[in-house]
Amino acid sequence: MFDIFGIITRVMLGTAPAQAPAPAQPPRIVTTAPLVAAPVASASQSANDVVDSVQKFYANIQQVTALFRQSVTNDMLGSTKTSDGQVFIMKPGKMRWDYKEKKKNQVKVKKSFISNGTNLYVVEHDNLQVLKKSLQQDLMPVAVSFLYGKGDLKSEFNADLDKSGKFGAKGEIVLKLSPKKPSAQYKNLYLVVSPDNFRVTQSIIVDSSNNVNHFRFYSPNFEKPIASGLFEFDERSVKNYRIVDADQEAKAAGSNAVPAPAPKLPAIPPAPAIKK
């Protein structure tokens, strides 16, 4: 079976597509009130209680738009690459991640991850390539699907409260999630949680090689309507691009045929989150 988890972790949020010029300061944080009020965290809450509250928060929202900054640190090389972009999420199961970069005083989209809940497209403008995958048979991993109110983090992860102070600001709750089954993608997943409504403000993946993929999200808007067309992709709009059909390649490989060359994918897996 084609590895949908691998596509999402390596392509959508994998190694930064390019070292985008970082602003002098992070974008100004603008908080928009959530659609449904949530209880404030108490000192007596356990890690599992916080996980339940996080999932309840996302189960009660319909859409969100936010800016993000991704920092990917290679443990062996000691280097960090930074990318900026914008994310859109809308129920049921629709997501779009646009990675942007500035060239000659113009901001352009370098790579997009687009899912309408039925199909997944990864559009790589620099490589003139589109990777597409049907989601009819493969489900989004729970580390992604909880953002639109589906899946159960506790079914795949053991949760602890991290009090090391390594991640998050003072007063924020930090969840340390460890996979119940050994995983090359996850050594640990950290979620930094706002104590006022249990919105995830940062997510950090540490993989099996100790590489770190860190997402920070800014200026979320849980109320602004999102046009459904934003989650659709028309292959005819990129006539000169190579279209790679992951389902066809998997079928060809299964019949012992020689598959087309695999798309060149980034290697370090991450996890998405939403920041206030």
C-alpha atoms as a PDB file:
ATOM      1  CA  MET A   1       0.000   0.000   0.000  1.00  0.00           C
ATOM      2  CA  PHE A   2       1.232   3.469  -0.806  1.00  0.00           C
ATOM      3  CA  ASP A   3       2.521   5.274   2.255  1.00  0.00           C
ATOM      4  CA  ILE A   4       0.105   8.209   2.686  1.00  0.00           C
ATOM      5  CA  PHE A   5       1.697   8.988   6.041  1.00  0.00           C
ATOM      6  CA  GLY A   6       5.050   9.260   4.315  1.00  0.00           C
ATOM      7  CA  ILE A   7       3.641  11.658   1.738  1.00  0.00           C
ATOM      8  CA  ILE A   8       2.211  13.929   4.380  1.00  0.00           C
ATOM      9  CA  THR A   9       5.178  13.939   6.695  1.00  0.00           C
ATOM     10  CA  ARG A  10       7.886  14.144   4.029  1.00  0.00           C
ATOM     11  CA  VAL A  11       6.178  16.333   1.457  1.00  0.00           C
ATOM     12  CA  MET A  12       3.612  18.559   3.094  1.00  0.00           C
ATOM     13  CA  LEU A  13       5.692  19.363   6.129  1.00  0.00           C
ATOM     14  CA  GLY A  14       9.038  17.826   5.371  1.00  0.00           C
ATOM     15  CA  THR A  15      12.436  19.419   5.064  1.00  0.00           C
ATOM     16  CA  ALA A  16      11.967  23.108   4.382  1.00  0.00           C
ATOM     17  CA  PRO A  17      11.537  23.463   0.608  1.00  0.00           C
ATOM     18  CA  ALA A  18      14.024  26.322   0.589  1.00  0.00           C
ATOM     19  CA  GLN A  19      15.653  28.637   3.011  1.00  0.00           C
ATOM     20  CA  ALA A  20      13.226  31.515   2.751  1.00  0.00           C
ATOM     21  CA  PRO A  21      14.346  34.925   3.956  1.00  0.00           C
ATOM     22  CA  ALA A  22      13.060  35.317   7.484  1.00  0.00           C
ATOM     23  CA  PRO A  23      11.556  38.603   8.621  1.00  0.00           C
ATOM     24  CA  ALA A  24      13.508  40.524  11.236  1.00  0.00           C
ATOM     25  CA  GLN A  25      10.778  39.674  13.734  1.00  0.00           C
ATOM     26  CA  PRO A  26       7.992  37.080  13.731  1.00  0.00           C
ATOM     27  CA  PRO A  27       4.643  38.315  12.404  1.00  0.00           C
ATOM     28  CA  ARG A  28       2.574  40.297  14.888  1.00  0.00           C
ATOM     29  CA  ILE A  29       0.275  38.002  16.810  1.00  0.00           C
ATOM     30  CA  VAL A  30      -3.406  38.849  16.387  1.00  0.00           C
ATOM     31  CA  THR A  31      -5.781  36.714  18.403  1.00  0.00           C
ATOM     32  CA  THR A  32      -9.257  36.018  17.068  1.00  0.00           C
ATOM     33  CA  ALA A  33     -11.768  34.598  19.517  1.00  0.00           C
ATOM     34  CA  PRO A  34     -12.589  30.911  18.944  1.00  0.00           C
ATOM     35  CA  LEU A  35     -16.076  29.946  17.846  1.00  0.00           C
ATOM     36  CA  VAL A  36     -16.783  27.974  21.020  1.00  0.00           C
ATOM     37  CA  ALA A  37     -15.642  28.926  24.500  1.00  0.00           C
ATOM     38  CA  ALA A  38     -13.353  26.441  26.213  1.00  0.00           C
ATOM     39  CA  PRO A  39     -12.533  25.952  29.896  1.00  0.00           C
ATOM     40  CA  VAL A  40      -9.312  27.366  31.301  1.00  0.00           C
ATOM     41  CA  ALA A  41      -6.670  24.819  32.249  1.00  0.00           C
ATOM     42  CA  SER A  42      -6.316  23.946  35.916  1.00  0.00           C
ATOM     43  CA  ALA A  43      -3.208  22.834  37.767  1.00  0.00           C
ATOM     44  CA  SER A  44      -4.784  19.454  38.516  1.00  0.00           C
ATOM     45  CA  GLN A  45      -5.277  18.442  34.901  1.00  0.00           C
ATOM     46  CA  SER A  46      -3.422  15.388  33.678  1.00  0.00           C
ATOM     47  CA  ALA A  47      -1.759  15.054  30.288  1.00  0.00           C
ATOM     48  CA  ASN A  48      -4.681  12.951  29.036  1.00  0.00           C
ATOM     49  CA  ASP A  49      -7.116  15.637  30.215  1.00  0.00           C
ATOM     50  CA  VAL A  50      -5.218  18.230  28.176  1.00  0.00           C
ATOM     51  CA  VAL A  51      -5.229  15.972  25.101  1.00  0.00           C
ATOM     52  CA  ASP A  52      -9.006  15.588  25.446  1.00  0.00           C
ATOM     53  CA  SER A  53      -9.438  19.365  25.733  1.00  0.00           C
ATOM     54  CA  VAL A  54      -7.229  19.996  22.681  1.00  0.00           C
ATOM     55  CA  GLN A  55      -9.260  17.589  20.579  1.00  0.00           C
ATOM     56  CA  LYS A  56     -12.522  19.087  21.855  1.00  0.00           C
ATOM     57  CA  PHE A  57     -11.381  22.557  20.808  1.00  0.00           C
ATOM     58  CA  TYR A  58     -10.669  21.466  17.231  1.00  0.00           C
ATOM     59  CA  ALA A  59     -13.874  19.412  17.087  1.00  0.00           C
ATOM     60  CA  ASN A  60     -15.811  22.631  17.732  1.00  0.00           C
ATOM     61  CA  ILE A  61     -14.302  24.846  15.019  1.00  0.00           C
ATOM     62  CA  GLN A  62     -15.277  24.884  11.362  1.00  0.00           C
ATOM     63  CA  GLN A  63     -12.287  26.571   9.738  1.00  0.00           C
ATOM     64  CA  VAL A  64      -9.066  28.412  10.456  1.00  0.00           C
ATOM     65  CA  THR A  65      -6.560  30.502   8.531  1.00  0.00           C
ATOM     66  CA  ALA A  66      -3.095  31.215   9.964  1.00  0.00           C
ATOM     67  CA  LEU A  67       0.449  32.205   9.078  1.00  0.00           C
ATOM     68  CA  PHE A  68       3.208  29.762   9.933  1.00  0.00           C
ATOM     69  CA  ARG A  69       6.958  29.633  10.330  1.00  0.00           C
ATOM     70  CA  GLN A  70       8.765  26.312  10.044  1.00  0.00           C
ATOM     71  CA  SER A  71      12.290  25.742  11.358  1.00  0.00           C
ATOM     72  CA  VAL A  72      13.994  22.465  10.446  1.00  0.00           C
ATOM     73  CA  THR A  73      17.203  21.584  12.307  1.00  0.00           C
ATOM     74  CA  ASN A  74      19.505  18.837  11.056  1.00  0.00           C
ATOM     75  CA  ASP A  75      21.098  17.313  14.151  1.00  0.00           C
ATOM     76  CA  MET A  76      24.135  15.892  12.355  1.00  0.00           C
ATOM     77  CA  LEU A  77      24.994  19.097  10.472  1.00  0.00           C
ATOM     78  CA  GLY A  78      23.834  21.464  13.191  1.00  0.00           C
ATOM     79  CA  SER A  79      22.104  23.602  10.546  1.00  0.00           C
ATOM     80  CA  THR A  80      18.623  25.139  10.574  1.00  0.00           C
ATOM     81  CA  LYS A  81      16.463  26.162   7.615  1.00  0.00           C
ATOM     82  CA  THR A  82      13.460  28.439   7.975  1.00  0.00           C
ATOM     83  CA  SER A  83      10.367  28.743   5.789  1.00  0.00           C
ATOM     84  CA  ASP A  84       7.261  30.898   6.005  1.00  0.00           C
ATOM     85  CA  GLY A  85       3.780  30.426   4.625  1.00  0.00           C
ATOM     86  CA  GLN A  86       0.042  30.302   5.178  1.00  0.00           C
ATOM     87  CA  VAL A  87      -2.259  27.436   6.130  1.00  0.00           C
ATOM     88  CA  PHE A  88      -6.001  26.988   5.584  1.00  0.00           C
ATOM     89  CA  ILE A  89      -8.088  24.272   7.240  1.00  0.00           C
ATOM     90  CA  MET A  90     -11.811  23.653   6.757  1.00  0.00           C
ATOM     91  CA  LYS A  91     -14.115  20.786   7.635  1.00  0.00           C
ATOM     92  CA  PRO A  92     -14.596  18.145   6.426  1.00  0.00           C
ATOM     93  CA  GLY A  93     -10.960  17.218   5.848  1.00  0.00           C
ATOM     94  CA  LYS A  94      -9.888  20.150   3.679  1.00  0.00           C
ATOM     95  CA  MET A  95      -6.393  21.572   4.088  1.00  0.00           C
ATOM     96  CA  ARG A  96      -4.005  23.803   2.157  1.00  0.00           C
ATOM     97  CA  TRP A  97      -0.413  24.727   3.043  1.00  0.00           C
ATOM     98  CA  ASP A  98       1.277  27.366   0.875  1.00  0.00           C
ATOM     99  CA  TYR A  99       5.042  27.771   1.296  1.00  0.00           C
ATOM    100  CA  LYS A 100       6.106  31.246   0.167  1.00  0.00           C
ATOM    101  CA  GLU A 101       9.384  32.961  -0.605  1.00  0.00           C
ATOM    102  CA  LYS A 102      10.418  36.475  -1.548  1.00  0.00           C
ATOM    103  CA  LYS A 103      12.306  37.054  -4.795  1.00  0.00           C
ATOM    104  CA  LYS A 104      13.021  40.456  -6.302  1.00  0.00           C
ATOM    105  CA  ASN A 105      10.617  42.124  -3.875  1.00  0.00           C
ATOM    106  CA  GLN A 106       7.814  39.760  -4.879  1.00  0.00           C
ATOM    107  CA  VAL A 107       6.317  37.065  -2.681  1.00  0.00           C
ATOM    108  CA  LYS A 108       5.534  33.884  -4.570  1.00  0.00           C
ATOM    109  CA  VAL A 109       4.202  30.461  -3.622  1.00  0.00           C
ATOM    110  CA  LYS A 110       6.998  27.905  -3.949  1.00  0.00           C
ATOM    111  CA  LYS A 111       5.136  24.748  -2.951  1.00  0.00           C
ATOM    112  CA  SER A 112       1.551  23.894  -2.027  1.00  0.00           C
ATOM    113  CA  PHE A 113      -0.033  20.947  -0.258  1.00  0.00           C
ATOM    114  CA  ILE A 114      -3.721  20.802  -1.248  1.00  0.00           C
ATOM    115  CA  SER A 115      -6.366  18.355  -0.003  1.00  0.00           C
ATOM    116  CA  ASN A 116     -10.100  18.531  -0.652  1.00  0.00           C
ATOM    117  CA  GLY A 117     -10.707  15.527   1.593  1.00  0.00           C
ATOM    118  CA  THR A 118     -10.855  13.173  -1.400  1.00  0.00           C
ATOM    119  CA  ASN A 119      -7.587  13.843  -3.219  1.00  0.00           C
ATOM    120  CA  LEU A 120      -4.172  15.049  -2.161  1.00  0.00           C
ATOM    121  CA  TYR A 121      -1.972  17.223  -4.396  1.00  0.00           C
ATOM    122  CA  VAL A 122       1.580  18.404  -3.758  1.00  0.00           C
ATOM    123  CA  VAL A 123       2.433  21.154  -6.227  1.00  0.00           C
ATOM    124  CA  GLU A 124       6.161  21.901  -6.574  1.00  0.00           C
ATOM    125  CA  HIS A 125       6.566  24.996  -8.729  1.00  0.00           C
ATOM    126  CA  ASP A 126      10.383  24.969  -8.780  1.00  0.00           C
ATOM    127  CA  ASN A 127      10.479  21.352  -9.946  1.00  0.00           C
ATOM    128  CA  LEU A 128       7.508  21.782 -12.315  1.00  0.00           C
ATOM    129  CA  GLN A 129       5.949  18.710 -10.749  1.00  0.00           C
ATOM    130  CA  VAL A 130       2.662  17.672  -9.160  1.00  0.00           C
ATOM    131  CA  LEU A 131       2.270  14.602  -6.952  1.00  0.00           C
ATOM    132  CA  LYS A 132      -1.324  13.407  -6.594  1.00  0.00           C
ATOM    133  CA  LYS A 133      -2.847  10.721  -4.373  1.00  0.00           C
ATOM    134  CA  SER A 134      -6.389   9.508  -3.790  1.00  0.00           C
ATOM    135  CA  LEU A 135      -7.494   9.551  -0.148  1.00  0.00           C
ATOM    136  CA  GLN A 136     -10.334   7.082  -0.740  1.00  0.00           C
ATOM    137  CA  GLN A 137      -8.331   4.138   0.607  1.00  0.00           C
ATOM    138  CA  ASP A 138      -5.756   5.881   2.795  1.00  0.00           C
ATOM    139  CA  LEU A 139      -6.702   7.985   5.792  1.00  0.00           C
ATOM    140  CA  MET A 140      -4.879  11.032   7.073  1.00  0.00           C
ATOM    141  CA  PRO A 141      -2.697  10.225  10.100  1.00  0.00           C
ATOM    142  CA  VAL A 142      -4.246  11.256  13.406  1.00  0.00           C
ATOM    143  CA  ALA A 143      -1.458  13.811  13.959  1.00  0.00           C
ATOM    144  CA  VAL A 144      -3.094  15.701  11.066  1.00  0.00           C
ATOM    145  CA  SER A 145      -6.744  14.697  11.273  1.00  0.00           C
ATOM    146  CA  PHE A 146      -7.272  15.920  14.850  1.00  0.00           C
ATOM    147  CA  LEU A 147      -6.993  19.463  13.475  1.00  0.00           C
ATOM    148  CA  TYR A 148     -10.373  19.050  11.828  1.00  0.00           C
ATOM    149  CA  GLY A 149     -11.978  17.131  14.665  1.00  0.00           C
ATOM    150  CA  LYS A 150     -11.238  13.513  13.734  1.00  0.00           C
ATOM    151  CA  GLY A 151      -8.984  10.840  15.142  1.00  0.00           C
ATOM    152  CA  ASP A 152      -7.834  10.163  18.674  1.00  0.00           C
ATOM    153  CA  LEU A 153      -4.307  11.185  19.641  1.00  0.00           C
ATOM    154  CA  LYS A 154      -4.430   8.929  22.699  1.00  0.00           C
ATOM    155  CA  SER A 155      -4.952   5.894  20.486  1.00  0.00           C
ATOM    156  CA  GLU A 156      -1.516   6.329  18.924  1.00  0.00           C
ATOM    157  CA  PHE A 157       0.459   8.287  21.519  1.00  0.00           C
ATOM    158  CA  ASN A 158       1.240   8.142  25.222  1.00  0.00           C
ATOM    159  CA  ALA A 159       0.903  11.618  26.707  1.00  0.00           C
ATOM    160  CA  ASP A 160       2.985  13.334  29.400  1.00  0.00           C
ATOM    161  CA  LEU A 161       3.289  16.917  30.584  1.00  0.00           C
ATOM    162  CA  ASP A 162       6.708  18.284  29.658  1.00  0.00           C
ATOM    163  CA  LYS A 163       8.028  20.711  32.276  1.00  0.00           C
ATOM    164  CA  SER A 164      11.583  21.016  31.002  1.00  0.00           C
ATOM    165  CA  GLY A 165      10.981  24.565  29.766  1.00  0.00           C
ATOM    166  CA  LYS A 166      12.609  23.757  26.421  1.00  0.00           C
ATOM    167  CA  PHE A 167       9.482  24.586  24.423  1.00  0.00           C
ATOM    168  CA  GLY A 168       6.694  27.112  24.827  1.00  0.00           C
ATOM    169  CA  ALA A 169       6.338  30.396  26.686  1.00  0.00           C
ATOM    170  CA  LYS A 170       5.739  30.858  30.392  1.00  0.00           C
ATOM    171  CA  GLY A 171       2.254  29.701  31.319  1.00  0.00           C
ATOM    172  CA  GLU A 172       1.741  27.533  28.244  1.00  0.00           C
ATOM    173  CA  ILE A 173       1.155  23.801  28.576  1.00  0.00           C
ATOM    174  CA  VAL A 174       3.562  21.478  26.755  1.00  0.00           C
ATOM    175  CA  LEU A 175       2.432  17.970  25.849  1.00  0.00           C
ATOM    176  CA  LYS A 176       5.027  15.329  25.100  1.00  0.00           C
ATOM    177  CA  LEU A 177       3.509  12.617  22.915  1.00  0.00           C
ATOM    178  CA  SER A 178       5.409   9.374  22.411  1.00  0.00           C
ATOM    179  CA  PRO A 179       4.218   6.859  19.773  1.00  0.00           C
ATOM    180  CA  LYS A 180       2.871   3.605  21.175  1.00  0.00           C
ATOM    181  CA  LYS A 181       4.420   1.762  18.235  1.00  0.00           C
ATOM    182  CA  PRO A 182       8.037   2.359  17.078  1.00  0.00           C
ATOM    183  CA  SER A 183       8.140   4.951  14.311  1.00  0.00           C
ATOM    184  CA  ALA A 184      10.863   6.389  12.097  1.00  0.00           C
ATOM    185  CA  GLN A 185       8.771   9.531  11.731  1.00  0.00           C
ATOM    186  CA  TYR A 186       8.246  10.182  15.417  1.00  0.00           C
ATOM    187  CA  LYS A 187      10.586   9.894  18.336  1.00  0.00           C
ATOM    188  CA  ASN A 188       8.522  12.487  20.156  1.00  0.00           C
ATOM    189  CA  LEU A 189       5.830  14.961  19.170  1.00  0.00           C
ATOM    190  CA  TYR A 190       5.496  18.060  21.341  1.00  0.00           C
ATOM    191  CA  LEU A 191       2.367  20.236  21.297  1.00  0.00           C
ATOM    192  CA  VAL A 192       2.510  23.638  22.961  1.00  0.00           C
ATOM    193  CA  VAL A 193      -1.000  24.464  24.175  1.00  0.00           C
ATOM    194  CA  SER A 194      -2.604  27.765  25.193  1.00  0.00           C
ATOM    195  CA  PRO A 195      -4.090  27.349  28.693  1.00  0.00           C
ATOM    196  CA  ASP A 196      -7.052  29.649  28.007  1.00  0.00           C
ATOM    197  CA  ASN A 197      -8.778  27.548  25.339  1.00  0.00           C
ATOM    198  CA  PHE A 198      -6.458  24.596  24.549  1.00  0.00           C
ATOM    199  CA  ARG A 199      -5.512  25.824  21.101  1.00  0.00           C
ATOM    200  CA  VAL A 200      -2.188  24.370  19.898  1.00  0.00           C
ATOM    201  CA  THR A 201       0.297  27.214  19.508  1.00  0.00           C
ATOM    202  CA  GLN A 202       3.370  25.293  18.351  1.00  0.00           C
ATOM    203  CA  SER A 203       4.228  21.762  17.307  1.00  0.00           C
ATOM    204  CA  ILE A 204       7.644  20.159  17.389  1.00  0.00           C
ATOM    205  CA  ILE A 205       8.672  16.813  15.923  1.00  0.00           C
ATOM    206  CA  VAL A 206      11.868  15.081  17.025  1.00  0.00           C
ATOM    207  CA  ASP A 207      12.529  12.178  14.674  1.00  0.00           C
ATOM    208  CA  SER A 208      14.526   8.998  15.165  1.00  0.00           C
ATOM    209  CA  SER A 209      17.730  10.793  14.077  1.00  0.00           C
ATOM    210  CA  ASN A 210      17.115  13.679  16.530  1.00  0.00           C
ATOM    211  CA  ASN A 211      16.309  16.117  13.721  1.00  0.00           C
ATOM    212  CA  VAL A 212      13.843  18.757  14.889  1.00  0.00           C
ATOM    213  CA  ASN A 213      10.958  20.184  12.873  1.00  0.00           C
ATOM    214  CA  HIS A 214       9.388  23.157  14.666  1.00  0.00           C
ATOM    215  CA  PHE A 215       6.209  24.958  13.613  1.00  0.00           C
ATOM    216  CA  ARG A 216       5.019  28.270  15.044  1.00  0.00           C
ATOM    217  CA  PHE A 217       1.684  29.722  13.953  1.00  0.00           C
ATOM    218  CA  TYR A 218       0.572  33.350  13.956  1.00  0.00           C
ATOM    219  CA  SER A 219      -2.549  35.464  13.468  1.00  0.00           C
ATOM    220  CA  PRO A 220      -5.147  32.674  13.407  1.00  0.00           C
ATOM    221  CA  ASN A 221      -8.646  33.503  12.291  1.00  0.00           C
ATOM    222  CA  PHE A 222     -11.342  30.974  13.201  1.00  0.00           C
ATOM    223  CA  GLU A 223     -14.247  32.991  11.822  1.00  0.00           C
ATOM    224  CA  LYS A 224     -13.248  34.256   8.377  1.00  0.00           C
ATOM    225  CA  PRO A 225     -14.991  32.173   5.671  1.00  0.00           C
ATOM    226  CA  ILE A 226     -12.708  30.274   3.295  1.00  0.00           C
ATOM    227  CA  ALA A 227     -13.718  29.736  -0.332  1.00  0.00           C
ATOM    228  CA  SER A 228     -14.047  26.000  -1.003  1.00  0.00           C
ATOM    229  CA  GLY A 229     -12.269  26.439  -4.340  1.00  0.00           C
ATOM    230  CA  LEU A 230      -9.036  27.047  -2.445  1.00  0.00           C
ATOM    231  CA  PHE A 231      -8.907  23.312  -1.701  1.00  0.00           C
ATOM    232  CA  GLU A 232      -9.319  22.214  -5.322  1.00  0.00           C
ATOM    233  CA  PHE A 233      -6.566  21.782  -7.896  1.00  0.00           C
ATOM    234  CA  ASP A 234      -7.010  21.734 -11.667  1.00  0.00           C
ATOM    235  CA  GLU A 235      -4.253  19.750 -13.393  1.00  0.00           C
ATOM    236  CA  ARG A 236      -4.956  21.688 -16.605  1.00  0.00           C
ATOM    237  CA  SER A 237      -3.690  24.846 -14.910  1.00  0.00           C
ATOM    238  CA  VAL A 238      -0.094  23.547 -15.020  1.00  0.00           C
ATOM    239  CA  LYS A 239       0.304  22.247 -18.588  1.00  0.00           C
ATOM    240  CA  ASN A 240       4.102  22.112 -18.452  1.00  0.00           C
ATOM    241  CA  TYR A 241       4.297  20.251 -15.122  1.00  0.00           C
ATOM    242  CA  ARG A 242       5.009  16.556 -14.717  1.00  0.00           C
ATOM    243  CA  ILE A 243       2.040  14.851 -13.062  1.00  0.00           C
ATOM    244  CA  VAL A 244       3.051  11.934 -10.815  1.00  0.00           C
ATOM    245  CA  ASP A 245       0.145   9.623  -9.954  1.00  0.00           C
ATOM    246  CA  ALA A 246       1.112   7.849  -6.733  1.00  0.00           C
ATOM    247  CA  ASP A 247      -1.726   5.322  -7.054  1.00  0.00           C
ATOM    248  CA  GLN A 248      -0.665   4.270 -10.539  1.00  0.00           C
ATOM    249  CA  GLU A 249       2.948   3.924  -9.432  1.00  0.00           C
ATOM    250  CA  ALA A 250       1.949   1.783  -6.461  1.00  0.00           C
ATOM    251  CA  LYS A 251      -0.195  -0.438  -8.707  1.00  0.00           C
ATOM    252  CA  ALA A 252       2.643  -0.811 -11.204  1.00  0.00           C
ATOM    253  CA  ALA A 253       5.090  -1.723  -8.460  1.00  0.00           C
ATOM    254  CA  GLY A 254       2.621  -4.299  -7.145  1.00  0.00           C
ATOM    255  CA  SER A 255       2.446  -6.002 -10.534  1.00  0.00           C
ATOM    256  CA  ASN A 256       6.260  -6.182 -10.747  1.00  0.00           C
ATOM    257  CA  ALA A 257       6.313  -3.552 -13.472  1.00  0.00           C
ATOM    258  CA  VAL A 258       9.014  -0.909 -13.399  1.00  0.00           C
ATOM    259  CA  PRO A 259       7.449   2.185 -11.813  1.00  0.00           C
ATOM    260  CA  ALA A 260       8.126   5.704 -12.984  1.00  0.00           C
ATOM    261  CA  PRO A 261      10.946   7.502 -11.134  1.00  0.00           C
ATOM    262  CA  ALA A 262       9.733   8.417  -7.665  1.00  0.00           C
ATOM    263  CA  PRO A 263       9.318  12.110  -6.912  1.00  0.00           C
ATOM    264  CA  LYS A 264      12.177  13.620  -4.990  1.00  0.00           C
ATOM    265  CA  LEU A 265      10.747  14.108  -1.538  1.00  0.00           C
ATOM    266  CA  PRO A 266      12.096  15.854   1.552  1.00  0.00           C
ATOM    267  CA  ALA A 267      13.094  13.569   4.378  1.00  0.00           C
ATOM    268  CA  ILE A 268      12.346  15.032   7.797  1.00  0.00           C
ATOM    269  CA  PRO A 269       8.772  14.551   9.047  1.00  0.00           C
ATOM    270  CA  PRO A 270       6.826  17.193  11.038  1.00  0.00           C
ATOM    271  CA  ALA A 271       3.386  17.789  12.500  1.00  0.00           C
ATOM    272  CA  PRO A 272       0.984  20.693  11.949  1.00  0.00           C
ATOM    273  CA  ALA A 273      -0.524  22.998  14.544  1.00  0.00           C
ATOM    274  CA  ILE A 274      -2.268  26.302  14.932  1.00  0.00           C
ATOM    275  CA  LYS A 275      -0.913  29.281  16.796  1.00  0.00           C
ATOM    276  CA  LYS A 276      -2.651  32.188  18.460  1.00  0.00           C
END
